[in-house]
Amino acid sequence: MKSELGLDARLRRIEEIVAALDSDALDLDEALAAFEEGVEHLARAREMLARTELRIEELIGPEGDEVRDLRLPGEDEPEGRADD
């Protein structure tokens, strides 16, 4: 089973692919395969960023002006925080 790459790993791989394509060291079939791999990494990276953006909006609101209470039920309020 193939493990899911993180965003940083995907970006590094895209950079490696771009460098290989720029080097002219690949034949046509290798270049096409590398390009296809790069497109796949780019699509997955965009999906990861979109999911992250949605999660951030869930936490702070779309305008960034809300701070949602993220405490679990039964947790005490953090020290130094007052609702005054």
PDB file of N, CA and C in Angstrom:
ATOM      1  N   MET A   1       0.841  -1.189   0.000  1.00  0.00           N
ATOM      2  CA  MET A   1       0.000   0.000   0.000  1.00  0.00           C
ATOM      3  C   MET A   1       0.882   1.246   0.000  1.00  0.00           C
ATOM      4  N   LYS A   2       0.572   2.196  -0.830  1.00  0.00           N
ATOM      5  CA  LYS A   2       1.342   3.420  -0.982  1.00  0.00           C
ATOM      6  C   LYS A   2       0.903   4.444   0.068  1.00  0.00           C
ATOM      7  N   SER A   3       1.891   4.982   0.808  1.00  0.00           N
ATOM      8  CA  SER A   3       1.537   5.971   1.823  1.00  0.00           C
ATOM      9  C   SER A   3       1.341   7.330   1.155  1.00  0.00           C
ATOM     10  N   GLU A   4       0.488   8.119   1.755  1.00  0.00           N
ATOM     11  CA  GLU A   4       0.172   9.462   1.247  1.00  0.00           C
ATOM     12  C   GLU A   4       1.319  10.406   1.562  1.00  0.00           C
ATOM     13  N   LEU A   5       1.814  11.084   0.546  1.00  0.00           N
ATOM     14  CA  LEU A   5       2.877  12.066   0.735  1.00  0.00           C
ATOM     15  C   LEU A   5       2.304  13.348   1.315  1.00  0.00           C
ATOM     16  N   GLY A   6       3.090  14.007   2.131  1.00  0.00           N
ATOM     17  CA  GLY A   6       2.698  15.302   2.662  1.00  0.00           C
ATOM     18  C   GLY A   6       2.967  16.402   1.647  1.00  0.00           C
ATOM     19  N   LEU A   7       2.507  17.587   1.965  1.00  0.00           N
ATOM     20  CA  LEU A   7       2.656  18.727   1.072  1.00  0.00           C
ATOM     21  C   LEU A   7       4.125  19.028   0.781  1.00  0.00           C
ATOM     22  N   ASP A   8       4.960  19.058   1.811  1.00  0.00           N
ATOM     23  CA  ASP A   8       6.374  19.360   1.605  1.00  0.00           C
ATOM     24  C   ASP A   8       7.045  18.346   0.689  1.00  0.00           C
ATOM     25  N   ALA A   9       6.742  17.073   0.880  1.00  0.00           N
ATOM     26  CA  ALA A   9       7.327  16.030   0.032  1.00  0.00           C
ATOM     27  C   ALA A   9       6.855  16.175  -1.408  1.00  0.00           C
ATOM     28  N   ARG A  10       5.604  16.510  -1.589  1.00  0.00           N
ATOM     29  CA  ARG A  10       5.084  16.704  -2.949  1.00  0.00           C
ATOM     30  C   ARG A  10       5.763  17.892  -3.628  1.00  0.00           C
ATOM     31  N   LEU A  11       5.925  18.988  -2.910  1.00  0.00           N
ATOM     32  CA  LEU A  11       6.578  20.161  -3.486  1.00  0.00           C
ATOM     33  C   LEU A  11       8.033  19.884  -3.834  1.00  0.00           C
ATOM     34  N   ARG A  12       8.722  19.138  -2.962  1.00  0.00           N
ATOM     35  CA  ARG A  12      10.109  18.762  -3.266  1.00  0.00           C
ATOM     36  C   ARG A  12      10.170  17.908  -4.529  1.00  0.00           C
ATOM     37  N   ARG A  13       9.234  16.953  -4.647  1.00  0.00           N
ATOM     38  CA  ARG A  13       9.233  16.086  -5.824  1.00  0.00           C
ATOM     39  C   ARG A  13       8.938  16.886  -7.094  1.00  0.00           C
ATOM     40  N   ILE A  14       8.026  17.838  -7.010  1.00  0.00           N
ATOM     41  CA  ILE A  14       7.739  18.696  -8.171  1.00  0.00           C
ATOM     42  C   ILE A  14       9.004  19.449  -8.578  1.00  0.00           C
ATOM     43  N   GLU A  15       9.744  19.977  -7.612  1.00  0.00           N
ATOM     44  CA  GLU A  15      10.994  20.685  -7.915  1.00  0.00           C
ATOM     45  C   GLU A  15      11.997  19.759  -8.591  1.00  0.00           C
ATOM     46  N   GLU A  16      12.092  18.513  -8.113  1.00  0.00           N
ATOM     47  CA  GLU A  16      12.991  17.542  -8.731  1.00  0.00           C
ATOM     48  C   GLU A  16      12.582  17.260 -10.179  1.00  0.00           C
ATOM     49  N   ILE A  17      11.296  17.122 -10.404  1.00  0.00           N
ATOM     50  CA  ILE A  17      10.784  16.849 -11.749  1.00  0.00           C
ATOM     51  C   ILE A  17      11.074  18.025 -12.680  1.00  0.00           C
ATOM     52  N   VAL A  18      10.837  19.244 -12.210  1.00  0.00           N
ATOM     53  CA  VAL A  18      11.109  20.430 -13.023  1.00  0.00           C
ATOM     54  C   VAL A  18      12.591  20.491 -13.383  1.00  0.00           C
ATOM     55  N   ALA A  19      13.453  20.217 -12.413  1.00  0.00           N
ATOM     56  CA  ALA A  19      14.900  20.238 -12.675  1.00  0.00           C
ATOM     57  C   ALA A  19      15.271  19.181 -13.713  1.00  0.00           C
ATOM     58  N   ALA A  20      14.691  17.997 -13.602  1.00  0.00           N
ATOM     59  CA  ALA A  20      14.975  16.932 -14.571  1.00  0.00           C
ATOM     60  C   ALA A  20      14.490  17.315 -15.963  1.00  0.00           C
ATOM     61  N   LEU A  21      13.309  17.908 -16.035  1.00  0.00           N
ATOM     62  CA  LEU A  21      12.784  18.330 -17.335  1.00  0.00           C
ATOM     63  C   LEU A  21      13.623  19.456 -17.937  1.00  0.00           C
ATOM     64  N   ASP A  22      14.115  20.348 -17.105  1.00  0.00           N
ATOM     65  CA  ASP A  22      14.957  21.450 -17.578  1.00  0.00           C
ATOM     66  C   ASP A  22      16.333  20.988 -18.040  1.00  0.00           C
ATOM     67  N   SER A  23      16.770  19.853 -17.524  1.00  0.00           N
ATOM     68  CA  SER A  23      18.133  19.389 -17.816  1.00  0.00           C
ATOM     69  C   SER A  23      18.281  18.764 -19.197  1.00  0.00           C
ATOM     70  N   ASP A  24      17.207  18.438 -19.852  1.00  0.00           N
ATOM     71  CA  ASP A  24      17.238  17.767 -21.154  1.00  0.00           C
ATOM     72  C   ASP A  24      17.886  16.380 -21.077  1.00  0.00           C
ATOM     73  N   ALA A  25      17.996  15.807 -19.883  1.00  0.00           N
ATOM     74  CA  ALA A  25      18.610  14.493 -19.717  1.00  0.00           C
ATOM     75  C   ALA A  25      17.629  13.355 -19.963  1.00  0.00           C
ATOM     76  N   LEU A  26      16.353  13.655 -20.018  1.00  0.00           N
ATOM     77  CA  LEU A  26      15.329  12.631 -20.176  1.00  0.00           C
ATOM     78  C   LEU A  26      14.965  12.473 -21.644  1.00  0.00           C
ATOM     79  N   ASP A  27      14.711  11.215 -22.032  1.00  0.00           N
ATOM     80  CA  ASP A  27      14.180  11.033 -23.379  1.00  0.00           C
ATOM     81  C   ASP A  27      12.693  11.378 -23.358  1.00  0.00           C
ATOM     82  N   LEU A  28      12.068  11.343 -24.493  1.00  0.00           N
ATOM     83  CA  LEU A  28      10.675  11.791 -24.610  1.00  0.00           C
ATOM     84  C   LEU A  28       9.735  11.018 -23.693  1.00  0.00           C
ATOM     85  N   ASP A  29       9.859   9.683 -23.651  1.00  0.00           N
ATOM     86  CA  ASP A  29       8.974   8.873 -22.809  1.00  0.00           C
ATOM     87  C   ASP A  29       9.187   9.168 -21.325  1.00  0.00           C
ATOM     88  N   GLU A  30      10.444   9.316 -20.922  1.00  0.00           N
ATOM     89  CA  GLU A  30      10.742   9.637 -19.524  1.00  0.00           C
ATOM     90  C   GLU A  30      10.226  11.029 -19.163  1.00  0.00           C
ATOM     91  N   ALA A  31      10.392  11.967 -20.087  1.00  0.00           N
ATOM     92  CA  ALA A  31       9.922  13.326 -19.839  1.00  0.00           C
ATOM     93  C   ALA A  31       8.409  13.357 -19.693  1.00  0.00           C
ATOM     94  N   LEU A  32       7.712  12.624 -20.539  1.00  0.00           N
ATOM     95  CA  LEU A  32       6.254  12.572 -20.449  1.00  0.00           C
ATOM     96  C   LEU A  32       5.810  11.946 -19.134  1.00  0.00           C
ATOM     97  N   ALA A  33       6.453  10.858 -18.733  1.00  0.00           N
ATOM     98  CA  ALA A  33       6.115  10.203 -17.463  1.00  0.00           C
ATOM     99  C   ALA A  33       6.384  11.142 -16.287  1.00  0.00           C
ATOM    100  N   ALA A  34       7.500  11.839 -16.327  1.00  0.00           N
ATOM    101  CA  ALA A  34       7.829  12.779 -15.252  1.00  0.00           C
ATOM    102  C   ALA A  34       6.813  13.917 -15.212  1.00  0.00           C
ATOM    103  N   PHE A  35       6.447  14.420 -16.382  1.00  0.00           N
ATOM    104  CA  PHE A  35       5.461  15.496 -16.455  1.00  0.00           C
ATOM    105  C   PHE A  35       4.126  15.037 -15.868  1.00  0.00           C
ATOM    106  N   GLU A  36       3.688  13.840 -16.229  1.00  0.00           N
ATOM    107  CA  GLU A  36       2.431  13.299 -15.693  1.00  0.00           C
ATOM    108  C   GLU A  36       2.504  13.159 -14.174  1.00  0.00           C
ATOM    109  N   GLU A  37       3.641  12.675 -13.671  1.00  0.00           N
ATOM    110  CA  GLU A  37       3.810  12.560 -12.221  1.00  0.00           C
ATOM    111  C   GLU A  37       3.732  13.936 -11.565  1.00  0.00           C
ATOM    112  N   GLY A  38       4.369  14.921 -12.173  1.00  0.00           N
ATOM    113  CA  GLY A  38       4.343  16.277 -11.631  1.00  0.00           C
ATOM    114  C   GLY A  38       2.940  16.853 -11.588  1.00  0.00           C
ATOM    115  N   VAL A  39       2.166  16.609 -12.650  1.00  0.00           N
ATOM    116  CA  VAL A  39       0.781  17.090 -12.687  1.00  0.00           C
ATOM    117  C   VAL A  39      -0.024  16.441 -11.568  1.00  0.00           C
ATOM    118  N   GLU A  40       0.195  15.158 -11.331  1.00  0.00           N
ATOM    119  CA  GLU A  40      -0.517  14.446 -10.252  1.00  0.00           C
ATOM    120  C   GLU A  40      -0.143  15.030  -8.882  1.00  0.00           C
ATOM    121  N   HIS A  41       1.155  15.255  -8.658  1.00  0.00           N
ATOM    122  CA  HIS A  41       1.587  15.852  -7.383  1.00  0.00           C
ATOM    123  C   HIS A  41       0.989  17.246  -7.204  1.00  0.00           C
ATOM    124  N   LEU A  42       0.954  18.017  -8.269  1.00  0.00           N
ATOM    125  CA  LEU A  42       0.390  19.366  -8.199  1.00  0.00           C
ATOM    126  C   LEU A  42      -1.095  19.323  -7.855  1.00  0.00           C
ATOM    127  N   ALA A  43      -1.834  18.411  -8.468  1.00  0.00           N
ATOM    128  CA  ALA A  43      -3.270  18.281  -8.174  1.00  0.00           C
ATOM    129  C   ALA A  43      -3.492  17.892  -6.720  1.00  0.00           C
ATOM    130  N   ARG A  44      -2.704  16.929  -6.220  1.00  0.00           N
ATOM    131  CA  ARG A  44      -2.852  16.506  -4.818  1.00  0.00           C
ATOM    132  C   ARG A  44      -2.468  17.639  -3.870  1.00  0.00           C
ATOM    133  N   ALA A  45      -1.420  18.397  -4.197  1.00  0.00           N
ATOM    134  CA  ALA A  45      -1.003  19.518  -3.348  1.00  0.00           C
ATOM    135  C   ALA A  45      -2.103  20.573  -3.287  1.00  0.00           C
ATOM    136  N   ARG A  46      -2.721  20.866  -4.414  1.00  0.00           N
ATOM    137  CA  ARG A  46      -3.828  21.835  -4.431  1.00  0.00           C
ATOM    138  C   ARG A  46      -4.997  21.356  -3.581  1.00  0.00           C
ATOM    139  N   GLU A  47      -5.299  20.057  -3.655  1.00  0.00           N
ATOM    140  CA  GLU A  47      -6.377  19.496  -2.821  1.00  0.00           C
ATOM    141  C   GLU A  47      -6.039  19.645  -1.338  1.00  0.00           C
ATOM    142  N   MET A  48      -4.793  19.360  -0.983  1.00  0.00           N
ATOM    143  CA  MET A  48      -4.377  19.482   0.415  1.00  0.00           C
ATOM    144  C   MET A  48      -4.515  20.921   0.900  1.00  0.00           C
ATOM    145  N   LEU A  49      -4.097  21.868   0.080  1.00  0.00           N
ATOM    146  CA  LEU A  49      -4.214  23.274   0.451  1.00  0.00           C
ATOM    147  C   LEU A  49      -5.665  23.711   0.565  1.00  0.00           C
ATOM    148  N   ALA A  50      -6.521  23.220  -0.331  1.00  0.00           N
ATOM    149  CA  ALA A  50      -7.944  23.569  -0.273  1.00  0.00           C
ATOM    150  C   ALA A  50      -8.574  23.017   0.994  1.00  0.00           C
ATOM    151  N   ARG A  51      -8.232  21.767   1.363  1.00  0.00           N
ATOM    152  CA  ARG A  51      -8.766  21.183   2.609  1.00  0.00           C
ATOM    153  C   ARG A  51      -8.275  21.968   3.819  1.00  0.00           C
ATOM    154  N   THR A  52      -7.019  22.383   3.783  1.00  0.00           N
ATOM    155  CA  THR A  52      -6.460  23.161   4.890  1.00  0.00           C
ATOM    156  C   THR A  52      -7.165  24.508   5.009  1.00  0.00           C
ATOM    157  N   GLU A  53      -7.391  25.151   3.875  1.00  0.00           N
ATOM    158  CA  GLU A  53      -8.085  26.439   3.882  1.00  0.00           C
ATOM    159  C   GLU A  53      -9.495  26.295   4.455  1.00  0.00           C
ATOM    160  N   LEU A  54     -10.207  25.247   4.072  1.00  0.00           N
ATOM    161  CA  LEU A  54     -11.552  25.019   4.615  1.00  0.00           C
ATOM    162  C   LEU A  54     -11.505  24.790   6.119  1.00  0.00           C
ATOM    163  N   ARG A  55     -10.519  24.048   6.574  1.00  0.00           N
ATOM    164  CA  ARG A  55     -10.396  23.783   8.004  1.00  0.00           C
ATOM    165  C   ARG A  55     -10.116  25.084   8.763  1.00  0.00           C
ATOM    166  N   ILE A  56      -9.255  25.921   8.208  1.00  0.00           N
ATOM    167  CA  ILE A  56      -8.960  27.208   8.854  1.00  0.00           C
ATOM    168  C   ILE A  56     -10.218  28.062   8.923  1.00  0.00           C
ATOM    169  N   GLU A  57     -11.004  28.087   7.842  1.00  0.00           N
ATOM    170  CA  GLU A  57     -12.258  28.844   7.856  1.00  0.00           C
ATOM    171  C   GLU A  57     -13.222  28.289   8.901  1.00  0.00           C
ATOM    172  N   GLU A  58     -13.215  26.962   9.106  1.00  0.00           N
ATOM    173  CA  GLU A  58     -14.049  26.377  10.155  1.00  0.00           C
ATOM    174  C   GLU A  58     -13.622  26.887  11.523  1.00  0.00           C
ATOM    175  N   LEU A  59     -12.335  27.084  11.695  1.00  0.00           N
ATOM    176  CA  LEU A  59     -11.814  27.480  13.001  1.00  0.00           C
ATOM    177  C   LEU A  59     -11.920  28.971  13.265  1.00  0.00           C
ATOM    178  N   ILE A  60     -11.704  29.800  12.243  1.00  0.00           N
ATOM    179  CA  ILE A  60     -11.692  31.242  12.492  1.00  0.00           C
ATOM    180  C   ILE A  60     -12.727  32.007  11.693  1.00  0.00           C
ATOM    181  N   GLY A  61     -13.495  31.338  10.875  1.00  0.00           N
ATOM    182  CA  GLY A  61     -14.494  32.014  10.070  1.00  0.00           C
ATOM    183  C   GLY A  61     -13.904  32.499   8.756  1.00  0.00           C
ATOM    184  N   PRO A  62     -14.729  32.698   7.745  1.00  0.00           N
ATOM    185  CA  PRO A  62     -14.236  33.076   6.419  1.00  0.00           C
ATOM    186  C   PRO A  62     -13.573  34.447   6.365  1.00  0.00           C
ATOM    187  N   GLU A  63     -13.950  35.334   7.250  1.00  0.00           N
ATOM    188  CA  GLU A  63     -13.345  36.673   7.270  1.00  0.00           C
ATOM    189  C   GLU A  63     -12.186  36.768   8.251  1.00  0.00           C
ATOM    190  N   GLY A  64     -11.926  35.697   8.988  1.00  0.00           N
ATOM    191  CA  GLY A  64     -10.827  35.704   9.949  1.00  0.00           C
ATOM    192  C   GLY A  64     -11.123  36.470  11.212  1.00  0.00           C
ATOM    193  N   ASP A  65     -12.391  36.809  11.440  1.00  0.00           N
ATOM    194  CA  ASP A  65     -12.725  37.631  12.593  1.00  0.00           C
ATOM    195  C   ASP A  65     -13.404  36.848  13.714  1.00  0.00           C
ATOM    196  N   GLU A  66     -13.528  35.561  13.542  1.00  0.00           N
ATOM    197  CA  GLU A  66     -14.129  34.732  14.584  1.00  0.00           C
ATOM    198  C   GLU A  66     -13.049  33.834  15.169  1.00  0.00           C
ATOM    199  N   VAL A  67     -13.110  33.635  16.447  1.00  0.00           N
ATOM    200  CA  VAL A  67     -12.259  32.639  17.079  1.00  0.00           C
ATOM    201  C   VAL A  67     -13.200  31.670  17.765  1.00  0.00           C
ATOM    202  N   ARG A  68     -13.242  30.501  17.226  1.00  0.00           N
ATOM    203  CA  ARG A  68     -14.160  29.502  17.764  1.00  0.00           C
ATOM    204  C   ARG A  68     -13.555  28.867  19.007  1.00  0.00           C
ATOM    205  N   ASP A  69     -14.390  28.495  19.936  1.00  0.00           N
ATOM    206  CA  ASP A  69     -13.964  27.825  21.151  1.00  0.00           C
ATOM    207  C   ASP A  69     -13.606  26.390  20.784  1.00  0.00           C
ATOM    208  N   LEU A  70     -12.333  26.053  20.901  1.00  0.00           N
ATOM    209  CA  LEU A  70     -11.868  24.738  20.486  1.00  0.00           C
ATOM    210  C   LEU A  70     -11.639  23.795  21.658  1.00  0.00           C
ATOM    211  N   ARG A  71     -12.059  24.223  22.849  1.00  0.00           N
ATOM    212  CA  ARG A  71     -11.886  23.360  24.008  1.00  0.00           C
ATOM    213  C   ARG A  71     -12.843  22.186  23.943  1.00  0.00           C
ATOM    214  N   LEU A  72     -12.371  21.071  24.441  1.00  0.00           N
ATOM    215  CA  LEU A  72     -13.219  19.897  24.532  1.00  0.00           C
ATOM    216  C   LEU A  72     -14.145  20.049  25.728  1.00  0.00           C
ATOM    217  N   PRO A  73     -15.301  19.405  25.686  1.00  0.00           N
ATOM    218  CA  PRO A  73     -16.200  19.478  26.839  1.00  0.00           C
ATOM    219  C   PRO A  73     -15.472  19.031  28.106  1.00  0.00           C
ATOM    220  N   GLY A  74     -15.619  19.815  29.170  1.00  0.00           N
ATOM    221  CA  GLY A  74     -14.992  19.502  30.446  1.00  0.00           C
ATOM    222  C   GLY A  74     -13.626  20.128  30.639  1.00  0.00           C
ATOM    223  N   GLU A  75     -13.055  20.711  29.579  1.00  0.00           N
ATOM    224  CA  GLU A  75     -11.767  21.377  29.723  1.00  0.00           C
ATOM    225  C   GLU A  75     -11.964  22.734  30.363  1.00  0.00           C
ATOM    226  N   ASP A  76     -11.006  23.121  31.205  1.00  0.00           N
ATOM    227  CA  ASP A  76     -11.044  24.448  31.803  1.00  0.00           C
ATOM    228  C   ASP A  76     -10.605  25.470  30.780  1.00  0.00           C
ATOM    229  N   GLU A  77     -11.016  26.724  31.003  1.00  0.00           N
ATOM    230  CA  GLU A  77     -10.596  27.819  30.133  1.00  0.00           C
ATOM    231  C   GLU A  77      -9.108  28.042  30.321  1.00  0.00           C
ATOM    232  N   PRO A  78      -8.358  28.277  29.241  1.00  0.00           N
ATOM    233  CA  PRO A  78      -6.908  28.502  29.364  1.00  0.00           C
ATOM    234  C   PRO A  78      -6.605  29.674  30.285  1.00  0.00           C
ATOM    235  N   GLU A  79      -5.466  29.583  30.995  1.00  0.00           N
ATOM    236  CA  GLU A  79      -5.045  30.658  31.908  1.00  0.00           C
ATOM    237  C   GLU A  79      -4.764  31.924  31.113  1.00  0.00           C
ATOM    238  N   GLY A  80      -5.051  33.051  31.726  1.00  0.00           N
ATOM    239  CA  GLY A  80      -4.772  34.330  31.115  1.00  0.00           C
ATOM    240  C   GLY A  80      -5.808  34.777  30.107  1.00  0.00           C
ATOM    241  N   ARG A  81      -6.864  34.018  29.910  1.00  0.00           N
ATOM    242  CA  ARG A  81      -7.897  34.390  28.971  1.00  0.00           C
ATOM    243  C   ARG A  81      -9.133  34.832  29.738  1.00  0.00           C
ATOM    244  N   ALA A  82      -9.598  35.998  29.433  1.00  0.00           N
ATOM    245  CA  ALA A  82     -10.799  36.504  30.089  1.00  0.00           C
ATOM    246  C   ALA A  82     -11.762  36.974  29.015  1.00  0.00           C
ATOM    247  N   ASP A  83     -13.031  36.819  29.271  1.00  0.00           N
ATOM    248  CA  ASP A  83     -14.057  37.227  28.297  1.00  0.00           C
ATOM    249  C   ASP A  83     -14.600  38.618  28.618  1.00  0.00           C
ATOM    250  N   ASP A  84     -13.810  39.432  29.330  1.00  0.00           N
ATOM    251  CA  ASP A  84     -14.247  40.792  29.688  1.00  0.00           C
ATOM    252  C   ASP A  84     -14.068  41.731  28.551  1.00  0.00           C
TER     253      ASP A  84
END
